[in-house]
Amino acid sequence: MTTRPEDLMNIANHPAYSMAVPTSEHFLPLAYLAGLSIAAKQPAEVLVDGGTMGALTMTSFVLGCGTMKKTDLVQSAALLPNPAEVPPEHTNT
């Protein structure tokens, strides 16, 4: 999305695609942004990046928001739980 948004059309060929989402329509919002990015001739930028509990990721992109300082906007999600406090069977790690 940040360099070649047109490659989203081939996402189903990625080896991890079947593990990424339960059904393909979960990628529809990303497809809209890819189309807008291509039409604007401007790459999307990462707003939020990172994972939660070792599995869930909610990477978010923005387009046309002017110059963003990566250090201010790119954030990681929650830290992994402390195994001494949360048993492994209660997490996705």
C-alpha atoms as a PDB file:
ATOM      1  CA  MET A   1       0.000   0.000   0.000  1.00  0.00           C
ATOM      2  CA  THR A   2       2.855   2.400   0.633  1.00  0.00           C
ATOM      3  CA  THR A   3       4.800   1.691  -2.550  1.00  0.00           C
ATOM      4  CA  ARG A   4       2.751  -0.405  -5.038  1.00  0.00           C
ATOM      5  CA  PRO A   5      -0.982  -0.300  -4.188  1.00  0.00           C
ATOM      6  CA  GLU A   6      -1.800  -2.012  -7.501  1.00  0.00           C
ATOM      7  CA  ASP A   7      -0.272  -5.217  -6.098  1.00  0.00           C
ATOM      8  CA  LEU A   8      -3.314  -5.592  -3.839  1.00  0.00           C
ATOM      9  CA  MET A   9      -5.049  -7.241  -6.808  1.00  0.00           C
ATOM     10  CA  ASN A  10      -2.785 -10.273  -6.278  1.00  0.00           C
ATOM     11  CA  ILE A  11      -3.263 -10.540  -2.504  1.00  0.00           C
ATOM     12  CA  ALA A  12      -5.059 -13.891  -2.797  1.00  0.00           C
ATOM     13  CA  ASN A  13      -1.831 -15.404  -4.162  1.00  0.00           C
ATOM     14  CA  HIS A  14       0.106 -14.581  -0.993  1.00  0.00           C
ATOM     15  CA  PRO A  15       1.050 -17.758   0.933  1.00  0.00           C
ATOM     16  CA  ALA A  16      -0.467 -16.454   4.193  1.00  0.00           C
ATOM     17  CA  TYR A  17      -3.671 -15.103   2.613  1.00  0.00           C
ATOM     18  CA  SER A  18      -5.905 -17.935   3.821  1.00  0.00           C
ATOM     19  CA  MET A  19      -4.739 -17.349   7.399  1.00  0.00           C
ATOM     20  CA  ALA A  20      -5.098 -13.568   7.281  1.00  0.00           C
ATOM     21  CA  VAL A  21      -8.867 -13.092   7.279  1.00  0.00           C
ATOM     22  CA  PRO A  22     -11.919 -15.324   7.573  1.00  0.00           C
ATOM     23  CA  THR A  23     -13.406 -14.135   4.268  1.00  0.00           C
ATOM     24  CA  SER A  24     -12.091 -12.032   1.395  1.00  0.00           C
ATOM     25  CA  GLU A  25     -14.502  -9.097   1.863  1.00  0.00           C
ATOM     26  CA  HIS A  26     -12.396  -8.072   4.866  1.00  0.00           C
ATOM     27  CA  PHE A  27      -9.970  -6.633   2.303  1.00  0.00           C
ATOM     28  CA  LEU A  28     -12.600  -4.430   0.585  1.00  0.00           C
ATOM     29  CA  PRO A  29     -11.772  -1.245   2.550  1.00  0.00           C
ATOM     30  CA  LEU A  30      -8.135  -1.707   1.567  1.00  0.00           C
ATOM     31  CA  ALA A  31      -9.155  -2.126  -2.087  1.00  0.00           C
ATOM     32  CA  TYR A  32     -10.974   1.222  -1.998  1.00  0.00           C
ATOM     33  CA  LEU A  33      -7.895   2.909  -0.572  1.00  0.00           C
ATOM     34  CA  ALA A  34      -5.657   1.212  -3.153  1.00  0.00           C
ATOM     35  CA  GLY A  35      -7.876   2.568  -5.953  1.00  0.00           C
ATOM     36  CA  LEU A  36      -7.846   6.053  -4.490  1.00  0.00           C
ATOM     37  CA  SER A  37      -4.101   5.882  -4.065  1.00  0.00           C
ATOM     38  CA  ILE A  38      -3.614   4.844  -7.696  1.00  0.00           C
ATOM     39  CA  ALA A  39      -5.982   7.573  -8.947  1.00  0.00           C
ATOM     40  CA  ALA A  40      -4.230  10.213  -6.826  1.00  0.00           C
ATOM     41  CA  LYS A  41      -0.810   8.936  -7.948  1.00  0.00           C
ATOM     42  CA  GLN A  42       0.148   9.091  -4.305  1.00  0.00           C
ATOM     43  CA  PRO A  43       1.082   6.210  -1.996  1.00  0.00           C
ATOM     44  CA  ALA A  44      -0.839   5.589   1.189  1.00  0.00           C
ATOM     45  CA  GLU A  45       0.981   6.108   4.468  1.00  0.00           C
ATOM     46  CA  VAL A  46       0.876   3.923   7.556  1.00  0.00           C
ATOM     47  CA  LEU A  47      -1.074   5.508  10.401  1.00  0.00           C
ATOM     48  CA  VAL A  48      -1.123   2.600  12.878  1.00  0.00           C
ATOM     49  CA  ASP A  49       1.051  -0.499  12.671  1.00  0.00           C
ATOM     50  CA  GLY A  50       1.575  -3.429  14.999  1.00  0.00           C
ATOM     51  CA  GLY A  51      -0.023  -6.474  16.495  1.00  0.00           C
ATOM     52  CA  THR A  52      -1.929  -7.385  19.619  1.00  0.00           C
ATOM     53  CA  MET A  53      -1.459 -10.531  21.636  1.00  0.00           C
ATOM     54  CA  GLY A  54       0.862 -11.913  18.981  1.00  0.00           C
ATOM     55  CA  ALA A  55      -1.879 -12.371  16.377  1.00  0.00           C
ATOM     56  CA  LEU A  56      -4.401  -9.598  15.709  1.00  0.00           C
ATOM     57  CA  THR A  57      -3.150  -6.714  13.592  1.00  0.00           C
ATOM     58  CA  MET A  58      -5.097  -3.616  12.699  1.00  0.00           C
ATOM     59  CA  THR A  59      -2.695  -1.831  10.375  1.00  0.00           C
ATOM     60  CA  SER A  60      -4.308   1.423   9.252  1.00  0.00           C
ATOM     61  CA  PHE A  61      -3.435   3.603   6.267  1.00  0.00           C
ATOM     62  CA  VAL A  62      -4.200   7.209   5.337  1.00  0.00           C
ATOM     63  CA  LEU A  63      -4.109   9.066   2.043  1.00  0.00           C
ATOM     64  CA  GLY A  64      -3.816  12.770   1.374  1.00  0.00           C
ATOM     65  CA  CYS A  65      -3.185  13.883   4.932  1.00  0.00           C
ATOM     66  CA  GLY A  66      -0.187  16.024   4.097  1.00  0.00           C
ATOM     67  CA  THR A  67       3.236  15.445   5.536  1.00  0.00           C
ATOM     68  CA  MET A  68       3.138  13.195   8.537  1.00  0.00           C
ATOM     69  CA  LYS A  69       5.932  12.639  10.997  1.00  0.00           C
ATOM     70  CA  LYS A  70       6.297   8.866  11.238  1.00  0.00           C
ATOM     71  CA  THR A  71       7.519   9.073  14.818  1.00  0.00           C
ATOM     72  CA  ASP A  72       4.307  10.817  15.848  1.00  0.00           C
ATOM     73  CA  LEU A  73       1.776   8.680  14.025  1.00  0.00           C
ATOM     74  CA  VAL A  74       3.047   5.124  13.565  1.00  0.00           C
ATOM     75  CA  GLN A  75       2.154   3.284  16.724  1.00  0.00           C
ATOM     76  CA  SER A  76       2.435  -0.258  17.870  1.00  0.00           C
ATOM     77  CA  ALA A  77      -0.503  -1.991  19.447  1.00  0.00           C
ATOM     78  CA  ALA A  78      -0.581  -3.423  22.957  1.00  0.00           C
ATOM     79  CA  LEU A  79       2.422  -5.246  24.347  1.00  0.00           C
ATOM     80  CA  LEU A  80       2.345  -8.995  24.762  1.00  0.00           C
ATOM     81  CA  PRO A  81       1.010 -10.103  28.145  1.00  0.00           C
ATOM     82  CA  ASN A  82       3.353 -11.115  30.932  1.00  0.00           C
ATOM     83  CA  PRO A  83       3.324 -14.955  31.027  1.00  0.00           C
ATOM     84  CA  ALA A  84       3.588 -14.821  34.823  1.00  0.00           C
ATOM     85  CA  GLU A  85       0.243 -12.989  34.930  1.00  0.00           C
ATOM     86  CA  VAL A  86      -1.633 -14.393  31.909  1.00  0.00           C
ATOM     87  CA  PRO A  87      -1.368 -18.125  31.163  1.00  0.00           C
ATOM     88  CA  PRO A  88      -0.396 -18.908  27.534  1.00  0.00           C
ATOM     89  CA  GLU A  89      -3.657 -20.774  26.955  1.00  0.00           C
ATOM     90  CA  HIS A  90      -5.509 -17.479  27.485  1.00  0.00           C
ATOM     91  CA  THR A  91      -3.629 -15.726  24.665  1.00  0.00           C
ATOM     92  CA  ASN A  92      -2.975 -16.110  20.949  1.00  0.00           C
ATOM     93  CA  THR A  93       0.788 -16.231  21.450  1.00  0.00           C
END
